[in-house]
Amino acid sequence: MGKSEALLRGRQAAQALEPAALVALQLLAPGGRAALVGDPRQLPATLLSRAAEAANLAQSLFERLQRVRRRAARPAV
């Protein structure tokens, strides 16, 4: 697999907080692909810092993407 074909796989990615997932995604080469696998209902994001929670960093990338997708799926009124 060449550098331009790099693949990043994340198991239990739904448990990773958004900043951690974004750091891992930055390791991809341009044109690389990412496969993030997980179930946010089974293993929610794990946060141990109250300061991070106060800074709105308590969500996983999965949670953000699900919320954006729900908004996009709503019909315009």
N, C-alpha and C. Protein backbone atom coordinates (compact mmCIF):
# COMPACT_ATOMS: atom_id res chain seq x y z
N MET A 1 0.86 -1.16 0.00
CA MET A 1 0.00 0.00 0.00
C MET A 1 0.90 1.23 0.00
N GLY A 2 0.83 2.07 -1.05
CA GLY A 2 1.63 3.28 -1.13
C GLY A 2 1.11 4.36 -0.20
N LYS A 3 1.92 5.40 -0.04
CA LYS A 3 1.52 6.46 0.89
C LYS A 3 0.21 7.11 0.48
N SER A 4 -0.02 7.28 -0.82
CA SER A 4 -1.26 7.92 -1.27
C SER A 4 -2.46 7.01 -1.06
N GLU A 5 -2.22 5.74 -0.76
CA GLU A 5 -3.31 4.79 -0.55
C GLU A 5 -3.47 4.43 0.92
N ALA A 6 -2.89 5.22 1.79
CA ALA A 6 -2.93 4.89 3.23
C ALA A 6 -4.36 4.79 3.72
N LEU A 7 -4.60 3.82 4.56
CA LEU A 7 -5.92 3.58 5.13
C LEU A 7 -5.79 3.66 6.65
N LEU A 8 -6.65 4.43 7.26
CA LEU A 8 -6.68 4.53 8.71
C LEU A 8 -7.94 3.85 9.20
N ARG A 9 -7.78 2.86 10.07
CA ARG A 9 -8.94 2.17 10.62
C ARG A 9 -9.01 2.45 12.11
N GLY A 10 -10.21 2.73 12.56
CA GLY A 10 -10.40 2.98 13.99
C GLY A 10 -11.48 2.07 14.52
N ARG A 11 -11.12 1.18 15.42
CA ARG A 11 -12.10 0.28 16.03
C ARG A 11 -12.59 0.92 17.31
N GLN A 12 -13.86 0.82 17.57
CA GLN A 12 -14.49 1.48 18.71
C GLN A 12 -14.28 2.99 18.61
N ALA A 13 -14.33 3.51 17.39
CA ALA A 13 -14.12 4.94 17.15
C ALA A 13 -15.21 5.79 17.79
N ALA A 14 -16.37 5.23 18.05
CA ALA A 14 -17.44 6.00 18.67
C ALA A 14 -17.08 6.40 20.10
N GLN A 15 -16.14 5.70 20.69
CA GLN A 15 -15.74 5.99 22.06
C GLN A 15 -14.68 7.10 22.11
N ALA A 16 -14.00 7.34 20.99
CA ALA A 16 -12.94 8.35 20.96
C ALA A 16 -13.54 9.75 20.91
N LEU A 17 -13.02 10.63 21.72
CA LEU A 17 -13.48 12.01 21.69
C LEU A 17 -13.07 12.66 20.38
N GLU A 18 -13.81 13.67 19.99
CA GLU A 18 -13.60 14.32 18.70
C GLU A 18 -12.14 14.76 18.48
N PRO A 19 -11.50 15.44 19.43
CA PRO A 19 -10.11 15.85 19.18
C PRO A 19 -9.18 14.67 18.88
N ALA A 20 -9.34 13.56 19.59
CA ALA A 20 -8.50 12.39 19.36
C ALA A 20 -8.73 11.81 17.98
N ALA A 21 -9.98 11.75 17.54
CA ALA A 21 -10.28 11.22 16.21
C ALA A 21 -9.71 12.12 15.13
N LEU A 22 -9.78 13.43 15.33
CA LEU A 22 -9.26 14.37 14.34
C LEU A 22 -7.74 14.30 14.23
N VAL A 23 -7.06 14.08 15.35
CA VAL A 23 -5.60 13.92 15.31
C VAL A 23 -5.25 12.70 14.47
N ALA A 24 -5.94 11.60 14.69
CA ALA A 24 -5.68 10.38 13.92
C ALA A 24 -5.96 10.60 12.43
N LEU A 25 -7.01 11.33 12.10
CA LEU A 25 -7.35 11.56 10.70
C LEU A 25 -6.31 12.44 10.01
N GLN A 26 -5.62 13.27 10.74
CA GLN A 26 -4.59 14.11 10.14
C GLN A 26 -3.38 13.29 9.70
N LEU A 27 -3.25 12.05 10.16
CA LEU A 27 -2.15 11.19 9.76
C LEU A 27 -2.34 10.62 8.36
N LEU A 28 -3.55 10.74 7.83
CA LEU A 28 -3.81 10.21 6.50
C LEU A 28 -3.06 11.00 5.44
N ALA A 29 -2.57 10.30 4.44
CA ALA A 29 -1.97 10.95 3.29
C ALA A 29 -3.09 11.56 2.46
N PRO A 30 -2.79 12.58 1.66
CA PRO A 30 -3.82 13.13 0.77
C PRO A 30 -4.41 12.01 -0.10
N GLY A 31 -5.71 11.96 -0.14
CA GLY A 31 -6.37 10.90 -0.90
C GLY A 31 -6.54 9.61 -0.14
N GLY A 32 -6.03 9.56 1.09
CA GLY A 32 -6.17 8.36 1.91
C GLY A 32 -7.62 8.19 2.36
N ARG A 33 -7.93 7.03 2.87
CA ARG A 33 -9.30 6.75 3.30
C ARG A 33 -9.31 6.38 4.78
N ALA A 34 -10.42 6.66 5.43
CA ALA A 34 -10.57 6.32 6.84
C ALA A 34 -11.83 5.48 7.01
N ALA A 35 -11.74 4.48 7.85
CA ALA A 35 -12.89 3.67 8.21
C ALA A 35 -13.01 3.71 9.73
N LEU A 36 -14.00 4.41 10.23
CA LEU A 36 -14.23 4.52 11.66
C LEU A 36 -15.41 3.64 12.02
N VAL A 37 -15.20 2.70 12.92
CA VAL A 37 -16.22 1.71 13.23
C VAL A 37 -16.54 1.76 14.72
N GLY A 38 -17.81 1.78 15.04
CA GLY A 38 -18.20 1.77 16.44
C GLY A 38 -19.69 2.00 16.59
N ASP A 39 -20.18 1.81 17.80
CA ASP A 39 -21.58 2.01 18.10
C ASP A 39 -21.68 2.97 19.29
N PRO A 40 -22.07 4.24 19.05
CA PRO A 40 -22.11 5.21 20.14
C PRO A 40 -23.10 4.86 21.24
N ARG A 41 -24.05 4.01 20.95
CA ARG A 41 -25.00 3.60 21.99
C ARG A 41 -24.42 2.51 22.88
N GLN A 42 -23.48 1.75 22.34
CA GLN A 42 -22.85 0.69 23.13
C GLN A 42 -21.71 1.25 23.97
N LEU A 43 -20.82 2.01 23.36
CA LEU A 43 -19.68 2.59 24.06
C LEU A 43 -19.65 4.09 23.77
N PRO A 44 -20.21 4.91 24.64
CA PRO A 44 -20.21 6.35 24.40
C PRO A 44 -18.80 6.93 24.58
N ALA A 45 -18.62 8.14 24.13
CA ALA A 45 -17.35 8.83 24.30
C ALA A 45 -16.97 8.87 25.78
N THR A 46 -15.70 8.68 26.06
CA THR A 46 -15.22 8.65 27.43
C THR A 46 -14.45 9.93 27.72
N LEU A 47 -14.91 10.68 28.69
CA LEU A 47 -14.28 11.95 29.06
C LEU A 47 -14.00 11.95 30.55
N LEU A 48 -12.77 12.28 30.91
CA LEU A 48 -12.39 12.29 32.32
C LEU A 48 -12.11 13.70 32.83
N SER A 49 -12.13 14.70 31.97
CA SER A 49 -11.76 16.06 32.36
C SER A 49 -12.98 16.98 32.39
N ARG A 50 -13.23 17.58 33.53
CA ARG A 50 -14.34 18.54 33.62
C ARG A 50 -14.03 19.79 32.81
N ALA A 51 -12.77 20.17 32.72
CA ALA A 51 -12.39 21.34 31.92
C ALA A 51 -12.69 21.10 30.44
N ALA A 52 -12.41 19.90 29.97
CA ALA A 52 -12.71 19.57 28.57
C ALA A 52 -14.21 19.55 28.34
N GLU A 53 -14.96 19.05 29.29
CA GLU A 53 -16.41 19.05 29.19
C GLU A 53 -16.94 20.48 29.13
N ALA A 54 -16.39 21.36 29.95
CA ALA A 54 -16.81 22.76 29.96
C ALA A 54 -16.49 23.44 28.62
N ALA A 55 -15.47 22.94 27.92
CA ALA A 55 -15.08 23.50 26.62
C ALA A 55 -15.82 22.81 25.47
N ASN A 56 -16.87 22.05 25.77
CA ASN A 56 -17.68 21.34 24.77
C ASN A 56 -16.88 20.32 23.97
N LEU A 57 -15.97 19.64 24.63
CA LEU A 57 -15.17 18.61 23.97
C LEU A 57 -15.59 17.21 24.40
N ALA A 58 -16.82 17.07 24.89
CA ALA A 58 -17.28 15.80 25.44
C ALA A 58 -18.01 14.94 24.42
N GLN A 59 -17.93 15.26 23.15
CA GLN A 59 -18.63 14.45 22.16
C GLN A 59 -17.63 13.71 21.28
N SER A 60 -18.07 12.62 20.72
CA SER A 60 -17.24 11.90 19.78
C SER A 60 -17.48 12.45 18.38
N LEU A 61 -16.58 12.15 17.48
CA LEU A 61 -16.76 12.56 16.08
C LEU A 61 -18.02 11.89 15.53
N PHE A 62 -18.28 10.65 15.95
CA PHE A 62 -19.50 9.95 15.54
C PHE A 62 -20.74 10.76 15.91
N GLU A 63 -20.78 11.23 17.16
CA GLU A 63 -21.95 11.99 17.62
C GLU A 63 -22.15 13.25 16.79
N ARG A 64 -21.06 13.97 16.49
CA ARG A 64 -21.17 15.18 15.68
C ARG A 64 -21.68 14.85 14.27
N LEU A 65 -21.12 13.81 13.66
CA LEU A 65 -21.53 13.45 12.30
C LEU A 65 -22.99 13.00 12.27
N GLN A 66 -23.43 12.27 13.29
CA GLN A 66 -24.82 11.86 13.35
C GLN A 66 -25.75 13.07 13.47
N ARG A 67 -25.37 14.02 14.30
CA ARG A 67 -26.19 15.22 14.48
C ARG A 67 -26.26 16.04 13.19
N VAL A 68 -25.14 16.19 12.50
CA VAL A 68 -25.11 16.92 11.23
C VAL A 68 -25.98 16.21 10.20
N ARG A 69 -25.89 14.89 10.17
CA ARG A 69 -26.69 14.13 9.20
C ARG A 69 -28.18 14.27 9.47
N ARG A 70 -28.57 14.25 10.75
CA ARG A 70 -29.99 14.41 11.08
C ARG A 70 -30.50 15.78 10.63
N ARG A 71 -29.69 16.82 10.85
CA ARG A 71 -30.09 18.17 10.41
C ARG A 71 -30.24 18.24 8.91
N ALA A 72 -29.32 17.62 8.18
CA ALA A 72 -29.33 17.65 6.72
C ALA A 72 -30.53 16.87 6.16
N ALA A 73 -30.98 15.86 6.90
CA ALA A 73 -32.08 15.01 6.42
C ALA A 73 -33.45 15.65 6.65
N ARG A 74 -33.52 16.68 7.49
CA ARG A 74 -34.81 17.33 7.75
C ARG A 74 -35.26 18.11 6.53
N PRO A 75 -36.54 18.02 6.19
CA PRO A 75 -37.03 18.80 5.06
C PRO A 75 -37.06 20.29 5.41
N ALA A 76 -36.81 21.10 4.41
CA ALA A 76 -36.86 22.55 4.62
C ALA A 76 -38.31 22.99 4.83
N VAL A 77 -38.53 23.90 5.73
CA VAL A 77 -39.88 24.36 6.04
C VAL A 77 -40.12 25.70 5.38
